[in-house]
């Protein structure tokens, strides 16, 4: 049962260095653990990478919402993406709590059986069954996250590596959600996409209903003409799709998402 609690800590992004260690950016079993059979090693090896991916995602959210980039460099759409990712991580954290409660219940049942029967062979067998059931429960509870957490990690890594902002974030999330279609990963990404779409809809509503643009990071597709660079202005002027509005405002299609979902 100690292994299960150590594994839960690792899945929450923490390794102690005795049972699990960090190697090449992921978590693995420490060398020289003779108490695990092959099936347990396979099961633990399948689950362990989730801990490192969760830790990276949590750091990504913290950095863009509360850290050095939260003051303004991230932009509204990346922060909306972070809120969507954090909501998915909340569900993952809740799953870990459910598994921990199941492990505690299994441990308590094992102790009760030992006290009631006072027979070493029987109690050892029951403890083994409890451990097996706990591992099965752990794999079952986290089965969907073995697909969704890596997908969210790839999404966050792409945003950071390519410094995506504004509508490009919408395009990326929409493309990933469409690629996974009717799968748990697709459902997860569509929930994240709703957070990003909400930012676009709030900006569009403010502009269309009140004539007010809340766009501190120049991400909305309606911009002041004076703020448009020469290259973008020339491209907008030469495009038949561009339209000039009142009060020196321009509709810049270069920044507009090509596909939007509710």
Protein backbone atom coordinates (compact mmCIF):
# COMPACT_ATOMS: atom_id res chain seq x y z
CA UNK A 1 0.00 0.00 0.00
CA UNK A 2 2.97 2.33 0.50
CA UNK A 3 3.64 2.07 -3.22
CA UNK A 4 0.19 3.41 -4.00
CA UNK A 5 0.66 6.50 -1.84
CA UNK A 6 4.07 7.14 -3.37
CA UNK A 7 2.52 6.76 -6.81
CA UNK A 8 -0.25 9.23 -5.95
CA UNK A 9 2.38 11.78 -4.90
CA UNK A 10 4.23 11.23 -8.18
CA UNK A 11 0.99 11.63 -10.16
CA UNK A 12 0.50 14.96 -8.36
CA UNK A 13 3.91 16.10 -9.65
CA UNK A 14 6.16 15.20 -6.70
CA UNK A 15 8.86 12.53 -6.57
CA UNK A 16 10.78 11.72 -3.39
CA UNK A 17 13.76 10.04 -5.02
CA UNK A 18 13.42 6.71 -3.23
CA UNK A 19 10.70 4.89 -5.17
CA UNK A 20 10.33 7.17 -8.19
CA UNK A 21 12.90 9.48 -9.77
CA UNK A 22 12.93 12.09 -12.52
CA UNK A 23 14.87 11.15 -15.62
CA UNK A 24 14.95 12.94 -19.00
CA UNK A 25 12.00 15.14 -18.08
CA UNK A 26 9.69 12.33 -16.96
CA UNK A 27 9.13 10.16 -13.89
CA UNK A 28 10.34 6.55 -13.77
CA UNK A 29 10.77 3.79 -11.21
CA UNK A 30 13.98 3.98 -9.23
CA UNK A 31 16.50 1.23 -9.83
CA UNK A 32 16.76 -1.70 -7.46
CA UNK A 33 13.15 -2.21 -6.34
CA UNK A 34 12.79 -6.00 -6.00
CA UNK A 35 9.29 -5.97 -4.47
CA UNK A 36 7.44 -5.28 -7.72
CA UNK A 37 6.45 -7.99 -10.17
CA UNK A 38 6.30 -7.47 -13.93
CA UNK A 39 2.60 -6.59 -14.06
CA UNK A 40 2.98 -3.94 -11.36
CA UNK A 41 6.01 -2.45 -13.13
CA UNK A 42 4.03 -2.20 -16.37
CA UNK A 43 1.03 -0.61 -14.63
CA UNK A 44 3.15 1.91 -12.74
CA UNK A 45 5.20 2.66 -15.84
CA UNK A 46 2.03 3.48 -17.79
CA UNK A 47 0.78 5.92 -15.14
CA UNK A 48 4.01 7.64 -14.05
CA UNK A 49 4.44 9.96 -17.08
CA UNK A 50 1.17 11.66 -16.12
CA UNK A 51 2.89 13.14 -13.05
CA UNK A 52 5.58 14.94 -15.05
CA UNK A 53 3.07 16.16 -17.65
CA UNK A 54 0.74 17.42 -14.92
CA UNK A 55 3.61 19.27 -13.24
CA UNK A 56 4.52 20.98 -16.53
CA UNK A 57 0.91 21.96 -17.22
CA UNK A 58 0.45 23.32 -13.71
CA UNK A 59 3.62 25.40 -14.15
CA UNK A 60 2.32 26.67 -17.52
CA UNK A 61 -0.95 27.81 -15.95
CA UNK A 62 0.82 29.36 -12.97
CA UNK A 63 3.27 31.21 -15.20
CA UNK A 64 0.62 32.78 -17.44
CA UNK A 65 -2.05 33.47 -14.82
CA UNK A 66 -0.08 34.33 -11.69
CA UNK A 67 3.60 34.47 -12.63
CA UNK A 68 5.88 36.81 -14.54
CA UNK A 69 3.77 36.67 -17.72
CA UNK A 70 0.46 37.37 -15.99
CA UNK A 71 1.00 41.13 -15.99
CA UNK A 72 0.30 41.41 -19.70
CA UNK A 73 2.68 39.51 -21.93
CA UNK A 74 0.44 36.46 -22.22
CA UNK A 75 -2.61 38.07 -23.76
CA UNK A 76 -6.30 37.45 -23.17
CA UNK A 77 -6.55 34.30 -25.26
CA UNK A 78 -3.62 32.50 -23.67
CA UNK A 79 -5.01 33.32 -20.25
CA UNK A 80 -8.40 31.96 -21.33
CA UNK A 81 -6.61 28.83 -22.54
CA UNK A 82 -4.95 28.52 -19.12
CA UNK A 83 -8.30 28.76 -17.36
CA UNK A 84 -9.63 25.96 -19.55
CA UNK A 85 -6.56 23.80 -18.89
CA UNK A 86 -6.78 24.48 -15.16
CA UNK A 87 -10.42 23.34 -15.15
CA UNK A 88 -9.32 20.03 -16.69
CA UNK A 89 -6.50 19.74 -14.17
CA UNK A 90 -9.03 20.27 -11.37
CA UNK A 91 -10.88 17.18 -12.57
CA UNK A 92 -7.60 15.26 -12.62
CA UNK A 93 -6.78 16.38 -9.08
CA UNK A 94 -10.24 15.29 -7.94
CA UNK A 95 -9.65 11.86 -9.48
CA UNK A 96 -6.45 11.54 -7.45
CA UNK A 97 -8.38 12.37 -4.27
CA UNK A 98 -10.97 9.70 -5.10
CA UNK A 99 -8.20 7.14 -5.64
CA UNK A 100 -6.52 8.13 -2.37
CA UNK A 101 -9.78 7.61 -0.49
CA UNK A 102 -10.15 4.19 -2.11
CA UNK A 103 -6.62 3.25 -1.09
CA UNK A 104 -7.28 4.31 2.51
CA UNK A 105 -10.50 2.31 2.58
CA UNK A 106 -8.71 -0.75 1.21
CA UNK A 107 -5.98 -0.39 3.82
CA UNK A 108 -8.54 -0.07 6.63
CA UNK A 109 -10.38 -3.16 5.39
CA UNK A 110 -7.13 -5.10 5.37
CA UNK A 111 -6.36 -4.15 8.96
CA UNK A 112 -9.87 -5.07 10.04
CA UNK A 113 -9.52 -8.48 8.41
CA UNK A 114 -6.20 -9.05 10.16
CA UNK A 115 -7.69 -8.19 13.56
CA UNK A 116 -10.77 -10.36 12.99
CA UNK A 117 -9.08 -13.50 11.70
CA UNK A 118 -5.62 -13.20 13.27
CA UNK A 119 -4.20 -15.56 10.65
CA UNK A 120 -1.05 -14.44 8.86
CA UNK A 121 -1.51 -16.38 5.57
CA UNK A 122 -5.09 -15.17 5.14
CA UNK A 123 -4.26 -11.57 6.03
CA UNK A 124 -1.34 -11.52 3.60
CA UNK A 125 -3.61 -12.78 0.83
CA UNK A 126 -6.24 -10.17 1.64
CA UNK A 127 -3.63 -7.43 1.67
CA UNK A 128 -2.45 -8.58 -1.76
CA UNK A 129 -6.04 -8.56 -3.09
CA UNK A 130 -6.59 -5.06 -1.67
CA UNK A 131 -3.40 -3.81 -3.31
CA UNK A 132 -4.43 -5.39 -6.60
CA UNK A 133 -7.88 -3.85 -6.44
CA UNK A 134 -6.38 -0.45 -5.64
CA UNK A 135 -4.08 -0.62 -8.67
CA UNK A 136 -6.96 -1.67 -10.91
CA UNK A 137 -9.05 1.18 -9.53
CA UNK A 138 -6.20 3.60 -10.13
CA UNK A 139 -5.80 2.55 -13.76
CA UNK A 140 -9.55 2.71 -14.31
CA UNK A 141 -10.00 6.15 -12.76
CA UNK A 142 -7.11 7.61 -14.79
CA UNK A 143 -7.75 5.85 -18.09
CA UNK A 144 -9.10 8.97 -19.85
CA UNK A 145 -6.36 11.20 -18.46
CA UNK A 146 -3.69 9.03 -20.08
CA UNK A 147 -4.95 10.53 -23.36
CA UNK A 148 -6.15 14.01 -22.34
CA UNK A 149 -3.19 15.13 -20.22
CA UNK A 150 -0.62 14.49 -23.00
CA UNK A 151 -2.88 16.31 -25.49
CA UNK A 152 -3.12 19.35 -23.20
CA UNK A 153 0.64 19.23 -22.69
CA UNK A 154 1.26 19.30 -26.46
CA UNK A 155 -1.15 22.23 -26.74
CA UNK A 156 0.63 24.24 -24.04
CA UNK A 157 4.06 23.42 -25.47
CA UNK A 158 3.01 24.63 -28.94
CA UNK A 159 1.66 27.90 -27.52
CA UNK A 160 4.93 28.55 -25.68
CA UNK A 161 7.27 27.37 -28.44
CA UNK A 162 5.56 29.40 -31.18
CA UNK A 163 4.56 32.33 -28.92
CA UNK A 164 0.97 32.09 -30.13
CA UNK A 165 -1.40 34.90 -29.27
CA UNK A 166 -4.90 36.01 -30.17
CA UNK A 167 -6.80 34.19 -32.90
CA UNK A 168 -3.88 31.82 -33.51
CA UNK A 169 -4.62 30.24 -30.13
CA UNK A 170 -8.23 29.70 -31.22
CA UNK A 171 -7.07 28.13 -34.48
CA UNK A 172 -4.74 25.73 -32.69
CA UNK A 173 -7.27 24.54 -30.11
CA UNK A 174 -10.00 24.18 -32.74
CA UNK A 175 -7.71 22.16 -35.01
CA UNK A 176 -6.69 19.82 -32.19
CA UNK A 177 -10.28 19.36 -31.01
CA UNK A 178 -11.44 18.57 -34.55
CA UNK A 179 -8.60 16.10 -35.07
CA UNK A 180 -9.70 13.99 -32.09
CA UNK A 181 -13.43 14.18 -32.94
CA UNK A 182 -15.66 12.04 -30.68
CA UNK A 183 -13.11 10.87 -28.15
CA UNK A 184 -12.47 11.83 -24.51
CA UNK A 185 -9.55 13.91 -25.76
CA UNK A 186 -11.79 15.73 -28.24
CA UNK A 187 -14.38 16.43 -25.54
CA UNK A 188 -11.64 17.76 -23.27
CA UNK A 189 -10.26 20.08 -25.95
CA UNK A 190 -13.73 21.33 -26.83
CA UNK A 191 -14.26 22.30 -23.20
CA UNK A 192 -10.99 24.22 -23.31
CA UNK A 193 -12.05 25.82 -26.61
CA UNK A 194 -15.19 27.21 -24.96
CA UNK A 195 -13.03 29.27 -22.62
CA UNK A 196 -11.12 30.72 -25.58
CA UNK A 197 -14.30 31.36 -27.58
CA UNK A 198 -15.79 33.20 -24.62
CA UNK A 199 -13.01 35.80 -24.84
CA UNK A 200 -13.70 36.36 -28.55
CA UNK A 201 -17.44 36.62 -27.97
CA UNK A 202 -16.98 39.13 -25.14
CA UNK A 203 -14.80 41.30 -27.37
CA UNK A 204 -17.24 41.04 -30.28
CA UNK A 205 -20.22 41.84 -28.04
CA UNK A 206 -18.52 44.89 -26.59
CA UNK A 207 -17.69 46.20 -30.04
CA UNK A 208 -21.01 45.44 -31.77
CA UNK A 209 -23.35 46.47 -28.94
CA UNK A 210 -21.45 49.28 -27.26
CA UNK A 211 -18.75 50.35 -29.70
CA UNK A 212 -16.13 49.61 -27.07
CA UNK A 213 -13.03 47.53 -27.66
CA UNK A 214 -11.42 45.79 -24.70
CA UNK A 215 -8.18 44.77 -26.36
CA UNK A 216 -5.14 45.66 -24.24
CA UNK A 217 -2.86 43.26 -26.17
CA UNK A 218 -3.96 44.14 -29.74
CA UNK A 219 -5.52 40.72 -30.40
CA UNK A 220 -9.02 41.64 -31.60
CA UNK A 221 -9.61 41.73 -35.36
CA UNK A 222 -10.87 45.33 -35.20
CA UNK A 223 -8.01 47.77 -34.67
CA UNK A 224 -7.40 51.51 -34.82
CA UNK A 225 -6.02 52.39 -38.24
CA UNK A 226 -3.23 54.44 -36.64
CA UNK A 227 -2.02 51.37 -34.72
CA UNK A 228 -1.67 49.21 -37.82
CA UNK A 229 1.86 48.75 -39.10
CA UNK A 230 2.70 49.77 -42.65
CA UNK A 231 2.95 46.23 -43.94
CA UNK A 232 -0.38 45.19 -42.48
CA UNK A 233 -2.02 48.43 -43.67
CA UNK A 234 -0.83 47.85 -47.22
CA UNK A 235 -2.05 44.27 -47.13
CA UNK A 236 -5.42 45.32 -45.76
CA UNK A 237 -5.79 48.10 -48.31
CA UNK A 238 -5.03 45.77 -51.21
CA UNK A 239 -7.44 43.11 -49.98
CA UNK A 240 -10.98 43.29 -51.27
CA UNK A 241 -12.13 41.73 -48.01
CA UNK A 242 -10.86 44.56 -45.82
CA UNK A 243 -13.33 47.21 -44.80
CA UNK A 244 -12.80 50.61 -43.26
CA UNK A 245 -15.23 51.68 -40.55
CA UNK A 246 -15.94 54.91 -38.75
CA UNK A 247 -13.67 56.75 -36.35
CA UNK A 248 -10.50 55.50 -38.06
CA UNK A 249 -11.08 51.81 -37.31
CA UNK A 250 -10.15 48.99 -39.66
CA UNK A 251 -11.27 45.39 -39.91
CA UNK A 252 -8.11 43.34 -40.26
CA UNK A 253 -8.89 39.86 -41.57
CA UNK A 254 -5.32 38.75 -41.08
CA UNK A 255 -6.07 38.48 -37.35
CA UNK A 256 -9.55 37.03 -37.66
CA UNK A 257 -10.04 33.33 -36.90
CA UNK A 258 -11.11 31.49 -40.02
CA UNK A 259 -13.25 28.99 -38.11
CA UNK A 260 -15.20 29.44 -34.94
CA UNK A 261 -17.36 27.07 -32.93
CA UNK A 262 -19.85 27.89 -30.15
